[in-house]
Amino acid sequence: MPYILISTQIRMVRHRRCETGPTIVGDECSDPALMEQLGATKRTVLGNNFAEYVVNEPPRVTLDRLEALGFRVVSMTGVGQTLVWCLHKE
C-alpha cells in the first residue's frame, strides 16, 4: 500500500502576497520512477545528512499529477508555515 507525503512552506512576502515552494515530494528512499514522473530532482540541503526530492512547482500542480497517477489525499495539516499532505494509492 504505497503512501507519499508532500510538503511545502508558505511565506508572506511584501504587499501581503503569498509565496509557496519548493514542494518536497519524497525522501532518499522514494520510488525513483515515481519521482521521475513528478519531475522531481534529488537534493541534499547543507547541514542535513539526508536527501530529498523536490519540484519547483506549487503543491497544487503536484497534487494534480499524483491524482492522475491514482493517488488520493488521505489527510492534510499545517504546522507553523509548513503544509503537509498524505496521499495513498490502492
Protein backbone atom coordinates (compact mmCIF):
# COMPACT_ATOMS: atom_id res chain seq x y z
CA MET A 1 0.00 0.00 0.00
CA PRO A 2 2.04 2.96 -1.23
CA TYR A 3 1.83 6.22 0.70
CA ILE A 4 3.51 9.50 -0.15
CA LEU A 5 3.99 12.70 1.85
CA ILE A 6 4.40 16.04 0.15
CA SER A 7 5.07 19.34 1.86
CA THR A 8 5.76 22.99 1.20
CA GLN A 9 6.35 26.17 3.14
CA ILE A 10 4.13 29.22 2.90
CA ARG A 11 5.79 32.60 3.24
CA MET A 12 4.22 36.02 3.27
CA VAL A 13 6.23 38.43 1.17
CA ARG A 14 5.90 42.14 0.52
CA HIS A 15 2.46 43.52 -0.17
CA ARG A 16 0.83 40.53 1.61
CA ARG A 17 1.35 38.21 -1.31
CA CYS A 18 1.68 34.50 -0.53
CA GLU A 19 4.59 32.50 -1.92
CA THR A 20 4.99 28.72 -1.83
CA GLY A 21 7.71 26.31 -2.65
CA PRO A 22 9.57 24.40 -3.41
CA THR A 23 7.36 21.34 -2.98
CA ILE A 24 9.09 18.40 -1.30
CA VAL A 25 7.75 15.16 -2.79
CA GLY A 26 9.93 12.40 -1.37
CA ASP A 27 12.92 11.25 0.61
CA GLU A 28 16.01 9.34 -0.43
CA CYS A 29 14.09 6.02 -0.22
CA SER A 30 11.27 7.15 -2.55
CA ASP A 31 10.46 5.28 -5.77
CA PRO A 32 12.79 6.78 -8.42
CA ALA A 33 10.29 6.03 -11.21
CA LEU A 34 7.54 7.97 -9.41
CA MET A 35 9.93 10.84 -8.69
CA GLU A 36 10.81 10.96 -12.40
CA GLN A 37 7.10 11.08 -13.31
CA LEU A 38 6.70 14.06 -10.97
CA GLY A 39 9.73 15.80 -12.50
CA ALA A 40 11.50 15.81 -9.13
CA THR A 41 15.19 16.28 -8.58
CA LYS A 42 17.17 14.86 -5.67
CA ARG A 43 18.99 17.33 -3.43
CA THR A 44 20.78 17.42 -0.11
CA VAL A 45 20.46 20.66 1.84
CA LEU A 46 23.63 21.87 3.52
CA GLY A 47 23.61 20.70 7.13
CA ASN A 48 21.24 17.75 6.54
CA ASN A 49 22.52 14.19 6.40
CA PHE A 50 19.68 13.03 4.15
CA ALA A 51 18.49 13.71 0.61
CA GLU A 52 15.04 14.76 -0.53
CA TYR A 53 13.22 15.03 -3.85
CA VAL A 54 11.80 18.43 -4.79
CA VAL A 55 9.85 20.07 -7.60
CA ASN A 56 9.85 23.80 -8.28
CA GLU A 57 6.09 23.94 -8.72
CA PRO A 58 3.31 24.77 -6.28
CA PRO A 59 1.75 21.85 -4.38
CA ARG A 60 -1.48 22.15 -6.41
CA VAL A 61 0.36 21.06 -9.58
CA THR A 62 1.95 18.10 -7.79
CA LEU A 63 -1.38 17.08 -6.22
CA ASP A 64 -2.99 17.14 -9.69
CA ARG A 65 -0.21 14.92 -11.09
CA LEU A 66 -0.49 12.45 -8.21
CA GLU A 67 -4.28 12.25 -8.64
CA ALA A 68 -3.77 11.42 -12.33
CA LEU A 69 -1.44 8.60 -11.18
CA GLY A 70 -4.13 7.15 -8.89
CA PHE A 71 -3.20 8.73 -5.55
CA ARG A 72 -5.84 10.23 -3.25
CA VAL A 73 -5.36 12.67 -0.37
CA VAL A 74 -5.83 10.90 2.97
CA SER A 75 -5.04 13.85 5.25
CA MET A 76 -3.60 17.34 5.28
CA THR A 77 -2.26 19.51 8.09
CA GLY A 78 -0.42 22.72 8.71
CA VAL A 79 2.47 23.00 11.14
CA GLY A 80 3.63 26.58 11.52
CA GLN A 81 4.33 27.74 7.98
CA THR A 82 4.63 24.17 6.63
CA LEU A 83 1.77 22.40 4.87
CA VAL A 84 1.83 18.58 4.63
CA TRP A 85 -0.36 16.23 2.58
CA CYS A 86 -0.50 12.44 2.95
CA LEU A 87 -1.63 10.54 -0.15
CA HIS A 88 -2.38 6.87 -0.74
CA LYS A 89 -2.71 4.69 -3.83
CA GLU A 90 -4.78 1.49 -3.75
